[in-house]
Protein backbone atom coordinates (compact mmCIF):
# COMPACT_ATOMS: atom_id res chain seq x y z
CA MET A 1 218.84 74.65 13.90
CA LYS A 2 216.54 72.40 15.57
CA LEU A 3 214.78 72.98 18.34
CA SER A 4 211.64 71.17 20.16
CA ALA A 5 210.10 74.87 21.01
CA ARG A 6 207.14 75.48 18.59
CA ASN A 7 207.38 79.64 18.78
CA VAL A 8 210.77 80.71 17.00
CA LEU A 9 210.49 84.25 15.70
CA GLU A 10 213.28 85.41 13.26
CA GLY A 11 214.28 89.18 13.67
CA LYS A 12 217.55 91.70 14.28
CA VAL A 13 219.04 92.59 17.25
CA VAL A 14 218.27 96.20 18.31
CA SER A 15 219.41 96.83 21.38
CA ILE A 16 222.11 95.25 24.11
CA LYS A 17 222.33 96.07 27.84
CA GLU A 18 224.73 94.16 29.72
CA GLY A 19 224.86 93.64 33.20
CA PRO A 20 227.19 91.81 35.54
CA VAL A 21 224.85 88.55 35.58
CA SER A 22 222.35 88.76 33.01
CA THR A 23 222.15 90.69 29.75
CA GLU A 24 219.01 91.87 27.86
CA VAL A 25 218.58 91.76 24.64
CA THR A 26 215.70 93.18 22.30
CA ILE A 27 214.96 91.32 18.78
CA GLU A 28 212.65 93.51 16.61
CA LEU A 29 210.63 91.11 14.09
CA ALA A 30 209.78 92.38 10.58
CA CYS A 31 206.63 93.37 11.48
CA GLY A 32 208.25 96.04 13.69
CA THR A 33 207.11 94.11 17.19
CA GLN A 34 210.07 94.02 19.78
CA VAL A 35 210.69 90.55 22.11
CA VAL A 36 212.96 91.61 25.17
CA SER A 37 214.54 88.73 26.44
CA SER A 38 216.96 88.51 29.93
CA ILE A 39 219.44 85.91 29.50
CA THR A 40 222.74 85.40 31.23
CA SER A 41 225.91 87.44 30.42
CA THR A 42 227.95 84.34 29.81
CA SER A 43 225.09 83.45 27.14
CA ALA A 44 225.16 86.77 25.24
CA LYS A 45 228.85 86.57 24.82
CA SER A 46 228.76 82.87 23.65
CA LEU A 47 226.08 83.87 21.26
CA ASN A 48 228.45 86.95 19.65
CA LEU A 49 225.41 89.10 19.91
CA GLU A 50 225.58 92.38 17.79
CA VAL A 51 222.97 95.25 16.99
CA GLY A 52 221.85 94.53 13.40
CA LYS A 53 222.88 90.72 13.60
CA LYS A 54 220.10 88.44 12.82
CA ALA A 55 218.88 86.36 15.64
CA TYR A 56 215.43 84.31 16.94
CA ALA A 57 213.64 84.87 20.06
CA VAL A 58 212.41 81.16 20.71
CA ILE A 59 209.45 80.40 23.37
CA LYS A 60 208.83 77.43 24.92
CA ALA A 61 204.62 77.43 24.44
CA SER A 62 204.33 76.51 28.48
CA ASN A 63 206.56 79.62 29.89
CA VAL A 64 204.30 82.24 27.98
CA MET A 65 201.92 84.23 30.16
CA VAL A 66 198.31 85.32 29.39
CA GLY A 67 196.96 88.37 30.70
CA THR A 68 193.77 90.53 29.87
CA ASP A 69 192.86 94.37 31.06
CA GLU A 70 189.96 93.24 33.48
């Protein structure tokens, strides 16, 4: 797999919540942190996602938001 994104996090699918238009996918990383993504239901089906299956969270740096408590 070759990607232009610099942040590729390997994990396993722990939850899939299917909707008519979008599907919420939760990937748990080796450290226990969970990353949640909303993708189209069409994409979810084409990826053959299943709970327990290895998957990657791909995060493009230009789309990451940063926040603070103050």
